[in-house]
Amino acid sequence: MQLDRLRDVLKAREIPFKTGEPMKCHTGFKTGGAADVFVRPDSAEQLKTALNACAECRVPYFILGNGTNLLVCDGGIRGAVISTCGINKITVDGETVKAGAGASLSAVCTAARDNGLTGLEFAYGIPGTAGGALYMNAGAYGGETADVVKTAEYVTENGEIGTLDVSEMELCYRGSVFKKGGKIITAVTFALKKGDRGEITEKMQEIMGRRRDKQPLEYPSAGSTFKRPEGFFAGALIEKNGLKGLTVGGAQVSEKHAGFIINRGGASSRDITELISRVRNAVREGDGVTLEPEVIFVDENGENKWNF
């Protein structure tokens, strides 16, 4: 791994980067150690160049969106973290909205509303990006990304550029073909419908109000900690087993919504990991249901895996 050389290459090719960037500045939980090199390309072409630079310098990399649902280990990430947040241009053409992978969902929803387009209201307030929403097939309040996505542009690990139609994305509950690796989303096109701007605004405000009423938005978190188990609701199972308010260090099962684990202040990623493990064990013992984390854990090697 030639980190010094990578930094020299990135500088020569005028791609923005930082050294020793704390990942707690880029995750929903506000925890996580430093990345050796944090790269923030401003276009799909710069992303392609950054990927080529990592390959040239034999430096492993991790692709980051908004980091909303990530739990990065306290030791940080070795190699490069490449953020897509700088790829965030939004354009509207008729009944379609095209968003760079790094565009915030709230900004995409607002652009749709301002142009009288309906279909994305469910996503308003989800603290992620367009690319992250497609990667996870994010959904809420009766809608999901699969309902409105049309196409996606991507760059492969080898620097090849391509486009996928929705029929090729293998969209499922909190999953897509992109989770298999090999294709990095650079832009998403949504197919929407004409609607009444006032009604769209009202629905967005209603959904945001429901979020504020039911979710602990005042604390750092990764949103829903666990996927919905078949036939159950994770939050209800956690509450049923008396786990609301359970604390490990600065991490806590929210007293407002048991489906959320929050950072009440000063939590480490280790605190959160331990609390997730305790909750899973308690629910499995109490109800025979094994909860699967919706949160993605990232270790020092940039690998996404839980060690339960």
C-alpha atoms as a PDB file:
ATOM      1  CA  MET A   1       0.000   0.000   0.000  1.00  0.00           C
ATOM      2  CA  GLN A   2       1.594   3.246  -1.184  1.00  0.00           C
ATOM      3  CA  LEU A   3      -0.282   5.982   0.660  1.00  0.00           C
ATOM      4  CA  ASP A   4       2.321   8.688   0.087  1.00  0.00           C
ATOM      5  CA  ARG A   5       2.303   7.976  -3.610  1.00  0.00           C
ATOM      6  CA  LEU A   6      -1.511   8.037  -3.680  1.00  0.00           C
ATOM      7  CA  ARG A   7      -1.545  11.465  -2.059  1.00  0.00           C
ATOM      8  CA  ASP A   8       0.961  12.711  -4.649  1.00  0.00           C
ATOM      9  CA  VAL A   9      -1.130  11.314  -7.519  1.00  0.00           C
ATOM     10  CA  LEU A  10      -4.364  12.805  -6.192  1.00  0.00           C
ATOM     11  CA  LYS A  11      -2.700  16.183  -5.740  1.00  0.00           C
ATOM     12  CA  ALA A  12      -1.230  16.083  -9.255  1.00  0.00           C
ATOM     13  CA  ARG A  13      -4.623  15.229 -10.727  1.00  0.00           C
ATOM     14  CA  GLU A  14      -6.361  17.941  -8.664  1.00  0.00           C
ATOM     15  CA  ILE A  15      -8.737  15.612  -6.840  1.00  0.00           C
ATOM     16  CA  PRO A  16      -9.766  16.933  -3.396  1.00  0.00           C
ATOM     17  CA  PHE A  17      -8.556  14.828  -0.454  1.00  0.00           C
ATOM     18  CA  LYS A  18      -7.668  15.010   3.227  1.00  0.00           C
ATOM     19  CA  THR A  19      -5.291  12.973   5.360  1.00  0.00           C
ATOM     20  CA  GLY A  20      -6.332  11.402   8.686  1.00  0.00           C
ATOM     21  CA  GLU A  21      -9.946  12.526   8.355  1.00  0.00           C
ATOM     22  CA  PRO A  22     -12.114  11.457  11.363  1.00  0.00           C
ATOM     23  CA  MET A  23     -14.969   9.272  10.155  1.00  0.00           C
ATOM     24  CA  LYS A  24     -17.108  10.532  13.035  1.00  0.00           C
ATOM     25  CA  CYS A  25     -17.572  13.653  10.888  1.00  0.00           C
ATOM     26  CA  HIS A  26     -19.136  11.537   8.142  1.00  0.00           C
ATOM     27  CA  THR A  27     -21.444   9.037   9.878  1.00  0.00           C
ATOM     28  CA  GLY A  28     -24.908   9.246  11.376  1.00  0.00           C
ATOM     29  CA  PHE A  29     -23.720   7.902  14.745  1.00  0.00           C
ATOM     30  CA  LYS A  30     -20.925  10.514  14.911  1.00  0.00           C
ATOM     31  CA  THR A  31     -18.411   7.830  15.844  1.00  0.00           C
ATOM     32  CA  GLY A  32     -15.495   6.166  14.102  1.00  0.00           C
ATOM     33  CA  GLY A  33     -11.747   6.631  13.827  1.00  0.00           C
ATOM     34  CA  ALA A  34      -9.783   8.291  11.047  1.00  0.00           C
ATOM     35  CA  ALA A  35      -9.425   7.289   7.410  1.00  0.00           C
ATOM     36  CA  ASP A  36      -5.853   7.267   6.123  1.00  0.00           C
ATOM     37  CA  VAL A  37      -6.909   9.246   3.036  1.00  0.00           C
ATOM     38  CA  PHE A  38     -10.362  10.772   2.528  1.00  0.00           C
ATOM     39  CA  VAL A  39     -11.116  11.538  -1.125  1.00  0.00           C
ATOM     40  CA  ARG A  40     -14.028  13.701  -2.295  1.00  0.00           C
ATOM     41  CA  PRO A  41     -14.315  13.740  -6.109  1.00  0.00           C
ATOM     42  CA  ASP A  42     -16.590  16.392  -7.600  1.00  0.00           C
ATOM     43  CA  SER A  43     -17.703  14.429 -10.676  1.00  0.00           C
ATOM     44  CA  ALA A  44     -18.063  10.913 -12.032  1.00  0.00           C
ATOM     45  CA  GLU A  45     -14.925  11.505 -14.081  1.00  0.00           C
ATOM     46  CA  GLN A  46     -12.954  12.463 -10.944  1.00  0.00           C
ATOM     47  CA  LEU A  47     -14.337   9.360  -9.226  1.00  0.00           C
ATOM     48  CA  LYS A  48     -13.053   7.240 -12.104  1.00  0.00           C
ATOM     49  CA  THR A  49      -9.647   8.940 -11.809  1.00  0.00           C
ATOM     50  CA  ALA A  50      -9.549   8.339  -8.039  1.00  0.00           C
ATOM     51  CA  LEU A  51     -10.337   4.646  -8.545  1.00  0.00           C
ATOM     52  CA  ASN A  52      -7.546   4.386 -11.102  1.00  0.00           C
ATOM     53  CA  ALA A  53      -5.170   6.132  -8.692  1.00  0.00           C
ATOM     54  CA  CYS A  54      -5.993   3.659  -5.907  1.00  0.00           C
ATOM     55  CA  ALA A  55      -5.382   0.749  -8.274  1.00  0.00           C
ATOM     56  CA  GLU A  56      -2.139   2.287  -9.479  1.00  0.00           C
ATOM     57  CA  CYS A  57      -0.890   2.752  -5.908  1.00  0.00           C
ATOM     58  CA  ARG A  58      -2.307  -0.555  -4.648  1.00  0.00           C
ATOM     59  CA  VAL A  59      -4.368   1.206  -2.002  1.00  0.00           C
ATOM     60  CA  PRO A  60      -7.674  -0.409  -0.952  1.00  0.00           C
ATOM     61  CA  TYR A  61     -10.695   1.880  -0.886  1.00  0.00           C
ATOM     62  CA  PHE A  62     -14.143   2.134   0.636  1.00  0.00           C
ATOM     63  CA  ILE A  63     -16.998   3.978  -1.105  1.00  0.00           C
ATOM     64  CA  LEU A  64     -18.938   6.331   1.161  1.00  0.00           C
ATOM     65  CA  GLY A  65     -22.202   8.163   0.610  1.00  0.00           C
ATOM     66  CA  ASN A  66     -23.597  10.297   3.421  1.00  0.00           C
ATOM     67  CA  GLY A  67     -22.604   7.667   5.995  1.00  0.00           C
ATOM     68  CA  THR A  68     -26.092   7.764   7.482  1.00  0.00           C
ATOM     69  CA  ASN A  69     -26.382   4.061   8.221  1.00  0.00           C
ATOM     70  CA  LEU A  70     -22.695   3.285   8.778  1.00  0.00           C
ATOM     71  CA  LEU A  71     -20.964   2.273  11.981  1.00  0.00           C
ATOM     72  CA  VAL A  72     -17.229   2.703  11.430  1.00  0.00           C
ATOM     73  CA  CYS A  73     -14.945   1.017  13.942  1.00  0.00           C
ATOM     74  CA  ASP A  74     -13.015   3.127  16.442  1.00  0.00           C
ATOM     75  CA  GLY A  75      -9.756   2.242  14.686  1.00  0.00           C
ATOM     76  CA  GLY A  76     -10.833   4.013  11.515  1.00  0.00           C
ATOM     77  CA  ILE A  77     -10.305   2.731   7.966  1.00  0.00           C
ATOM     78  CA  ARG A  78      -6.975   1.818   6.417  1.00  0.00           C
ATOM     79  CA  GLY A  79      -6.404   2.951   2.856  1.00  0.00           C
ATOM     80  CA  ALA A  80      -8.726   5.385   1.110  1.00  0.00           C
ATOM     81  CA  VAL A  81     -12.324   6.377   1.737  1.00  0.00           C
ATOM     82  CA  ILE A  82     -13.902   7.815  -1.420  1.00  0.00           C
ATOM     83  CA  SER A  83     -16.958   9.963  -0.749  1.00  0.00           C
ATOM     84  CA  THR A  84     -19.556  10.548  -3.460  1.00  0.00           C
ATOM     85  CA  CYS A  85     -21.074  13.559  -1.668  1.00  0.00           C
ATOM     86  CA  GLY A  86     -19.419  15.992  -4.085  1.00  0.00           C
ATOM     87  CA  ILE A  87     -21.281  14.391  -7.002  1.00  0.00           C
ATOM     88  CA  ASN A  88     -24.560  16.106  -6.205  1.00  0.00           C
ATOM     89  CA  LYS A  89     -26.002  17.911  -9.230  1.00  0.00           C
ATOM     90  CA  ILE A  90     -29.815  17.728  -9.616  1.00  0.00           C
ATOM     91  CA  THR A  91     -31.652  18.342 -12.905  1.00  0.00           C
ATOM     92  CA  VAL A  92     -35.352  18.117 -13.787  1.00  0.00           C
ATOM     93  CA  ASP A  93     -36.605  17.198 -17.254  1.00  0.00           C
ATOM     94  CA  GLY A  94     -40.358  16.822 -17.658  1.00  0.00           C
ATOM     95  CA  GLU A  95     -41.437  14.136 -15.195  1.00  0.00           C
ATOM     96  CA  THR A  96     -37.952  12.860 -14.416  1.00  0.00           C
ATOM     97  CA  VAL A  97     -35.448  14.032 -11.819  1.00  0.00           C
ATOM     98  CA  LYS A  98     -31.795  13.108 -12.247  1.00  0.00           C
ATOM     99  CA  ALA A  99     -29.617  13.358  -9.160  1.00  0.00           C
ATOM    100  CA  GLY A 100     -25.916  12.806  -8.628  1.00  0.00           C
ATOM    101  CA  ALA A 101     -25.254   9.944  -6.232  1.00  0.00           C
ATOM    102  CA  GLY A 102     -24.194  12.370  -3.505  1.00  0.00           C
ATOM    103  CA  ALA A 103     -27.272  14.613  -3.677  1.00  0.00           C
ATOM    104  CA  SER A 104     -29.193  14.584  -0.407  1.00  0.00           C
ATOM    105  CA  LEU A 105     -32.616  12.951  -0.538  1.00  0.00           C
ATOM    106  CA  SER A 106     -34.166  16.055   1.004  1.00  0.00           C
ATOM    107  CA  ALA A 107     -32.725  18.185  -1.817  1.00  0.00           C
ATOM    108  CA  VAL A 108     -34.031  15.733  -4.429  1.00  0.00           C
ATOM    109  CA  CYS A 109     -37.488  15.716  -2.816  1.00  0.00           C
ATOM    110  CA  THR A 110     -37.502  19.521  -2.702  1.00  0.00           C
ATOM    111  CA  ALA A 111     -36.553  19.767  -6.393  1.00  0.00           C
ATOM    112  CA  ALA A 112     -39.395  17.391  -7.270  1.00  0.00           C
ATOM    113  CA  ARG A 113     -41.854  19.410  -5.186  1.00  0.00           C
ATOM    114  CA  ASP A 114     -40.739  22.719  -6.682  1.00  0.00           C
ATOM    115  CA  ASN A 115     -41.453  21.291 -10.129  1.00  0.00           C
ATOM    116  CA  GLY A 116     -44.836  19.870  -9.173  1.00  0.00           C
ATOM    117  CA  LEU A 117     -43.715  16.223  -9.296  1.00  0.00           C
ATOM    118  CA  THR A 118     -45.101  13.609  -6.936  1.00  0.00           C
ATOM    119  CA  GLY A 119     -43.810  10.201  -5.881  1.00  0.00           C
ATOM    120  CA  LEU A 120     -40.832  11.026  -3.673  1.00  0.00           C
ATOM    121  CA  GLU A 121     -42.685  12.397  -0.668  1.00  0.00           C
ATOM    122  CA  PHE A 122     -41.983   9.227   1.361  1.00  0.00           C
ATOM    123  CA  ALA A 123     -38.237   9.957   1.195  1.00  0.00           C
ATOM    124  CA  TYR A 124     -38.423  13.459   2.618  1.00  0.00           C
ATOM    125  CA  GLY A 125     -36.433  13.568   5.819  1.00  0.00           C
ATOM    126  CA  ILE A 126     -34.524  10.338   5.221  1.00  0.00           C
ATOM    127  CA  PRO A 127     -30.980  11.542   6.019  1.00  0.00           C
ATOM    128  CA  GLY A 128     -29.238   9.904   3.108  1.00  0.00           C
ATOM    129  CA  THR A 129     -28.225  10.456  -0.498  1.00  0.00           C
ATOM    130  CA  ALA A 130     -29.783   9.460  -3.799  1.00  0.00           C
ATOM    131  CA  GLY A 131     -27.073   6.863  -4.337  1.00  0.00           C
ATOM    132  CA  GLY A 132     -27.384   5.494  -0.834  1.00  0.00           C
ATOM    133  CA  ALA A 133     -31.165   5.267  -1.157  1.00  0.00           C
ATOM    134  CA  LEU A 134     -30.837   3.152  -4.306  1.00  0.00           C
ATOM    135  CA  TYR A 135     -28.018   1.040  -2.861  1.00  0.00           C
ATOM    136  CA  MET A 136     -30.206   0.137   0.137  1.00  0.00           C
ATOM    137  CA  ASN A 137     -33.580   0.471  -1.617  1.00  0.00           C
ATOM    138  CA  ALA A 138     -34.496   2.855   1.175  1.00  0.00           C
ATOM    139  CA  GLY A 139     -38.143   3.195   2.062  1.00  0.00           C
ATOM    140  CA  ALA A 140     -40.567   4.621   4.595  1.00  0.00           C
ATOM    141  CA  TYR A 141     -44.250   5.401   5.093  1.00  0.00           C
ATOM    142  CA  GLY A 142     -45.508   3.042   2.418  1.00  0.00           C
ATOM    143  CA  GLY A 143     -43.000   3.932  -0.305  1.00  0.00           C
ATOM    144  CA  GLU A 144     -39.567   2.778  -1.371  1.00  0.00           C
ATOM    145  CA  THR A 145     -36.920   3.721  -3.892  1.00  0.00           C
ATOM    146  CA  ALA A 146     -37.878   0.811  -6.164  1.00  0.00           C
ATOM    147  CA  ASP A 147     -41.245   2.496  -6.779  1.00  0.00           C
ATOM    148  CA  VAL A 148     -39.754   5.564  -8.431  1.00  0.00           C
ATOM    149  CA  VAL A 149     -36.276   4.785  -9.771  1.00  0.00           C
ATOM    150  CA  LYS A 150     -35.896   4.570 -13.552  1.00  0.00           C
ATOM    151  CA  THR A 151     -32.190   4.209 -14.320  1.00  0.00           C
ATOM    152  CA  ALA A 152     -28.817   4.515 -12.625  1.00  0.00           C
ATOM    153  CA  GLU A 153     -25.396   5.417 -13.948  1.00  0.00           C
ATOM    154  CA  TYR A 154     -22.340   3.732 -12.487  1.00  0.00           C
ATOM    155  CA  VAL A 155     -18.589   3.344 -12.660  1.00  0.00           C
ATOM    156  CA  THR A 156     -17.026  -0.087 -12.266  1.00  0.00           C
ATOM    157  CA  GLU A 157     -13.958  -0.821 -10.185  1.00  0.00           C
ATOM    158  CA  ASN A 158     -12.030  -0.965 -13.479  1.00  0.00           C
ATOM    159  CA  GLY A 159     -13.197   2.518 -14.497  1.00  0.00           C
ATOM    160  CA  GLU A 160     -15.851   1.439 -17.001  1.00  0.00           C
ATOM    161  CA  ILE A 161     -18.972   3.613 -17.208  1.00  0.00           C
ATOM    162  CA  GLY A 162     -22.447   2.156 -17.681  1.00  0.00           C
ATOM    163  CA  THR A 163     -26.179   2.499 -17.062  1.00  0.00           C
ATOM    164  CA  LEU A 164     -28.668   0.063 -15.525  1.00  0.00           C
ATOM    165  CA  ASP A 165     -32.434   0.024 -16.029  1.00  0.00           C
ATOM    166  CA  VAL A 166     -34.599  -0.580 -12.971  1.00  0.00           C
ATOM    167  CA  SER A 167     -35.367  -4.088 -14.276  1.00  0.00           C
ATOM    168  CA  GLU A 168     -31.663  -4.955 -13.904  1.00  0.00           C
ATOM    169  CA  MET A 169     -31.182  -3.634 -10.364  1.00  0.00           C
ATOM    170  CA  GLU A 170     -32.482  -6.662  -8.413  1.00  0.00           C
ATOM    171  CA  LEU A 171     -34.255  -4.363  -5.975  1.00  0.00           C
ATOM    172  CA  CYS A 172     -35.534  -6.055  -2.834  1.00  0.00           C
ATOM    173  CA  TYR A 173     -36.113  -5.201   0.825  1.00  0.00           C
ATOM    174  CA  ARG A 174     -33.094  -3.069   1.781  1.00  0.00           C
ATOM    175  CA  GLY A 175     -31.055  -4.463  -1.070  1.00  0.00           C
ATOM    176  CA  SER A 176     -30.012  -4.112  -4.703  1.00  0.00           C
ATOM    177  CA  VAL A 177     -27.517  -5.456  -7.212  1.00  0.00           C
ATOM    178  CA  PHE A 178     -25.155  -2.672  -6.152  1.00  0.00           C
ATOM    179  CA  LYS A 179     -24.645  -4.311  -2.749  1.00  0.00           C
ATOM    180  CA  LYS A 180     -22.875  -7.173  -4.526  1.00  0.00           C
ATOM    181  CA  GLY A 181     -20.028  -4.803  -5.379  1.00  0.00           C
ATOM    182  CA  GLY A 182     -18.375  -3.998  -8.667  1.00  0.00           C
ATOM    183  CA  LYS A 183     -20.638  -1.099  -9.630  1.00  0.00           C
ATOM    184  CA  ILE A 184     -20.448   2.307  -7.926  1.00  0.00           C
ATOM    185  CA  ILE A 185     -23.523   4.485  -8.396  1.00  0.00           C
ATOM    186  CA  THR A 186     -22.803   7.953  -9.799  1.00  0.00           C
ATOM    187  CA  ALA A 187     -26.317   9.167 -10.719  1.00  0.00           C
ATOM    188  CA  VAL A 188     -29.939   8.120 -10.261  1.00  0.00           C
ATOM    189  CA  THR A 189     -32.909   9.063 -12.446  1.00  0.00           C
ATOM    190  CA  PHE A 190     -36.357   9.013 -10.851  1.00  0.00           C
ATOM    191  CA  ALA A 191     -39.579   8.680 -12.868  1.00  0.00           C
ATOM    192  CA  LEU A 192     -42.292  10.758 -11.182  1.00  0.00           C
ATOM    193  CA  LYS A 193     -45.752  12.097 -12.031  1.00  0.00           C
ATOM    194  CA  LYS A 194     -47.286  15.528 -12.251  1.00  0.00           C
ATOM    195  CA  GLY A 195     -49.074  16.542  -9.084  1.00  0.00           C
ATOM    196  CA  ASP A 196     -50.414  19.475  -7.161  1.00  0.00           C
ATOM    197  CA  ARG A 197     -47.555  21.366  -5.528  1.00  0.00           C
ATOM    198  CA  GLY A 198     -49.676  22.306  -2.520  1.00  0.00           C
ATOM    199  CA  GLU A 199     -50.703  18.694  -1.904  1.00  0.00           C
ATOM    200  CA  ILE A 200     -47.111  17.513  -2.336  1.00  0.00           C
ATOM    201  CA  THR A 201     -45.901  20.115   0.172  1.00  0.00           C
ATOM    202  CA  GLU A 202     -48.612  19.136   2.653  1.00  0.00           C
ATOM    203  CA  LYS A 203     -47.705  15.452   2.424  1.00  0.00           C
ATOM    204  CA  MET A 204     -43.998  16.188   2.882  1.00  0.00           C
ATOM    205  CA  GLN A 205     -44.724  18.310   5.939  1.00  0.00           C
ATOM    206  CA  GLU A 206     -46.987  15.594   7.350  1.00  0.00           C
ATOM    207  CA  ILE A 207     -44.296  12.933   6.912  1.00  0.00           C
ATOM    208  CA  MET A 208     -41.630  15.161   8.462  1.00  0.00           C
ATOM    209  CA  GLY A 209     -43.947  15.850  11.394  1.00  0.00           C
ATOM    210  CA  ARG A 210     -44.462  12.133  11.934  1.00  0.00           C
ATOM    211  CA  ARG A 211     -40.709  11.617  11.900  1.00  0.00           C
ATOM    212  CA  ARG A 212     -40.171  14.307  14.535  1.00  0.00           C
ATOM    213  CA  ASP A 213     -42.974  12.923  16.729  1.00  0.00           C
ATOM    214  CA  LYS A 214     -41.887   9.292  16.629  1.00  0.00           C
ATOM    215  CA  GLN A 215     -38.136   9.281  16.029  1.00  0.00           C
ATOM    216  CA  PRO A 216     -35.259  10.539  18.228  1.00  0.00           C
ATOM    217  CA  LEU A 217     -34.001  13.005  15.633  1.00  0.00           C
ATOM    218  CA  GLU A 218     -32.343  15.121  18.310  1.00  0.00           C
ATOM    219  CA  TYR A 219     -29.613  12.480  18.793  1.00  0.00           C
ATOM    220  CA  PRO A 220     -27.052  11.003  16.383  1.00  0.00           C
ATOM    221  CA  SER A 221     -28.162   7.610  15.084  1.00  0.00           C
ATOM    222  CA  ALA A 222     -28.195   5.475  11.955  1.00  0.00           C
ATOM    223  CA  GLY A 223     -31.968   5.493  11.672  1.00  0.00           C
ATOM    224  CA  SER A 224     -33.641   2.119  12.164  1.00  0.00           C
ATOM    225  CA  THR A 225     -31.016  -0.135  13.699  1.00  0.00           C
ATOM    226  CA  PHE A 226     -32.515  -3.433  12.546  1.00  0.00           C
ATOM    227  CA  LYS A 227     -34.294  -4.694   9.465  1.00  0.00           C
ATOM    228  CA  ARG A 228     -37.958  -5.587   9.858  1.00  0.00           C
ATOM    229  CA  PRO A 229     -38.143  -9.314  10.702  1.00  0.00           C
ATOM    230  CA  GLU A 230     -40.818 -11.212   8.792  1.00  0.00           C
ATOM    231  CA  GLY A 231     -44.105 -11.063  10.668  1.00  0.00           C
ATOM    232  CA  PHE A 232     -42.821  -8.662  13.340  1.00  0.00           C
ATOM    233  CA  PHE A 233     -41.625  -5.120  13.978  1.00  0.00           C
ATOM    234  CA  ALA A 234     -38.132  -4.815  15.436  1.00  0.00           C
ATOM    235  CA  GLY A 235     -38.998  -1.865  17.680  1.00  0.00           C
ATOM    236  CA  ALA A 236     -42.003  -3.656  19.157  1.00  0.00           C
ATOM    237  CA  LEU A 237     -39.953  -6.777  19.942  1.00  0.00           C
ATOM    238  CA  ILE A 238     -37.215  -4.702  21.565  1.00  0.00           C
ATOM    239  CA  GLU A 239     -39.728  -2.799  23.686  1.00  0.00           C
ATOM    240  CA  LYS A 240     -41.585  -6.016  24.605  1.00  0.00           C
ATOM    241  CA  ASN A 241     -38.364  -7.400  26.051  1.00  0.00           C
ATOM    242  CA  GLY A 242     -37.928  -4.373  28.312  1.00  0.00           C
ATOM    243  CA  LEU A 243     -34.925  -2.971  26.470  1.00  0.00           C
ATOM    244  CA  LYS A 244     -36.003   0.650  26.052  1.00  0.00           C
ATOM    245  CA  GLY A 245     -33.401   2.842  27.693  1.00  0.00           C
ATOM    246  CA  LEU A 246     -30.782   0.072  27.886  1.00  0.00           C
ATOM    247  CA  THR A 247     -27.374   1.744  27.861  1.00  0.00           C
ATOM    248  CA  VAL A 248     -23.783   0.775  27.108  1.00  0.00           C
ATOM    249  CA  GLY A 249     -21.410   3.692  27.630  1.00  0.00           C
ATOM    250  CA  GLY A 250     -22.800   6.599  25.626  1.00  0.00           C
ATOM    251  CA  ALA A 251     -25.031   4.370  23.469  1.00  0.00           C
ATOM    252  CA  GLN A 252     -28.684   3.828  24.339  1.00  0.00           C
ATOM    253  CA  VAL A 253     -31.806   2.110  23.033  1.00  0.00           C
ATOM    254  CA  SER A 254     -33.966   5.171  22.476  1.00  0.00           C
ATOM    255  CA  GLU A 255     -36.679   5.745  25.026  1.00  0.00           C
ATOM    256  CA  LYS A 256     -38.697   7.445  22.296  1.00  0.00           C
ATOM    257  CA  HIS A 257     -38.528   4.641  19.720  1.00  0.00           C
ATOM    258  CA  ALA A 258     -36.988   1.280  20.616  1.00  0.00           C
ATOM    259  CA  GLY A 259     -36.082   0.606  16.998  1.00  0.00           C
ATOM    260  CA  PHE A 260     -33.360   3.260  17.228  1.00  0.00           C
ATOM    261  CA  ILE A 261     -30.024   3.062  18.998  1.00  0.00           C
ATOM    262  CA  ILE A 262     -28.707   6.554  19.679  1.00  0.00           C
ATOM    263  CA  ASN A 263     -25.493   8.259  20.703  1.00  0.00           C
ATOM    264  CA  ARG A 264     -26.495  10.175  23.808  1.00  0.00           C
ATOM    265  CA  GLY A 265     -23.044  11.757  23.925  1.00  0.00           C
ATOM    266  CA  GLY A 266     -19.529  10.381  23.966  1.00  0.00           C
ATOM    267  CA  ALA A 267     -20.452   6.957  22.623  1.00  0.00           C
ATOM    268  CA  SER A 268     -17.793   4.894  20.905  1.00  0.00           C
ATOM    269  CA  SER A 269     -18.468   2.512  18.045  1.00  0.00           C
ATOM    270  CA  ARG A 270     -17.575  -0.272  20.462  1.00  0.00           C
ATOM    271  CA  ASP A 271     -20.383   0.897  22.800  1.00  0.00           C
ATOM    272  CA  ILE A 272     -22.873   0.778  19.952  1.00  0.00           C
ATOM    273  CA  THR A 273     -21.669  -2.615  18.721  1.00  0.00           C
ATOM    274  CA  GLU A 274     -21.975  -4.086  22.221  1.00  0.00           C
ATOM    275  CA  LEU A 275     -25.464  -2.651  22.661  1.00  0.00           C
ATOM    276  CA  ILE A 276     -26.616  -4.058  19.300  1.00  0.00           C
ATOM    277  CA  SER A 277     -25.290  -7.465  20.353  1.00  0.00           C
ATOM    278  CA  ARG A 278     -27.098  -7.336  23.713  1.00  0.00           C
ATOM    279  CA  VAL A 279     -30.377  -6.352  22.073  1.00  0.00           C
ATOM    280  CA  ARG A 280     -30.109  -9.169  19.525  1.00  0.00           C
ATOM    281  CA  ASN A 281     -29.365 -11.723  22.236  1.00  0.00           C
ATOM    282  CA  ALA A 282     -32.248 -10.577  24.427  1.00  0.00           C
ATOM    283  CA  VAL A 283     -34.799 -10.654  21.612  1.00  0.00           C
ATOM    284  CA  ARG A 284     -33.586 -14.044  20.403  1.00  0.00           C
ATOM    285  CA  GLU A 285     -33.859 -15.468  23.907  1.00  0.00           C
ATOM    286  CA  GLY A 286     -37.205 -13.793  24.624  1.00  0.00           C
ATOM    287  CA  ASP A 287     -39.028 -14.360  21.328  1.00  0.00           C
ATOM    288  CA  GLY A 288     -36.894 -16.673  19.227  1.00  0.00           C
ATOM    289  CA  VAL A 289     -36.413 -13.957  16.595  1.00  0.00           C
ATOM    290  CA  THR A 290     -32.921 -13.076  15.354  1.00  0.00           C
ATOM    291  CA  LEU A 291     -32.745  -9.413  14.443  1.00  0.00           C
ATOM    292  CA  GLU A 292     -30.561  -8.541  11.462  1.00  0.00           C
ATOM    293  CA  PRO A 293     -28.850  -5.142  11.595  1.00  0.00           C
ATOM    294  CA  GLU A 294     -29.839  -2.611   8.967  1.00  0.00           C
ATOM    295  CA  VAL A 295     -26.772  -0.656  10.079  1.00  0.00           C
ATOM    296  CA  ILE A 296     -23.641  -1.476   8.074  1.00  0.00           C
ATOM    297  CA  PHE A 297     -20.555  -2.118  10.195  1.00  0.00           C
ATOM    298  CA  VAL A 298     -17.209  -1.189   8.630  1.00  0.00           C
ATOM    299  CA  ASP A 299     -13.968  -2.530  10.081  1.00  0.00           C
ATOM    300  CA  GLU A 300     -10.426  -1.185   9.652  1.00  0.00           C
ATOM    301  CA  ASN A 301     -10.078  -3.018   6.337  1.00  0.00           C
ATOM    302  CA  GLY A 302     -13.232  -1.407   4.960  1.00  0.00           C
ATOM    303  CA  GLU A 303     -15.089  -4.719   5.092  1.00  0.00           C
ATOM    304  CA  ASN A 304     -18.814  -4.798   5.835  1.00  0.00           C
ATOM    305  CA  LYS A 305     -19.347  -7.566   8.321  1.00  0.00           C
ATOM    306  CA  TRP A 306     -20.714  -8.189  11.784  1.00  0.00           C
ATOM    307  CA  ASN A 307     -19.007 -10.673  14.085  1.00  0.00           C
ATOM    308  CA  PHE A 308     -21.898 -11.994  16.110  1.00  0.00           C
END
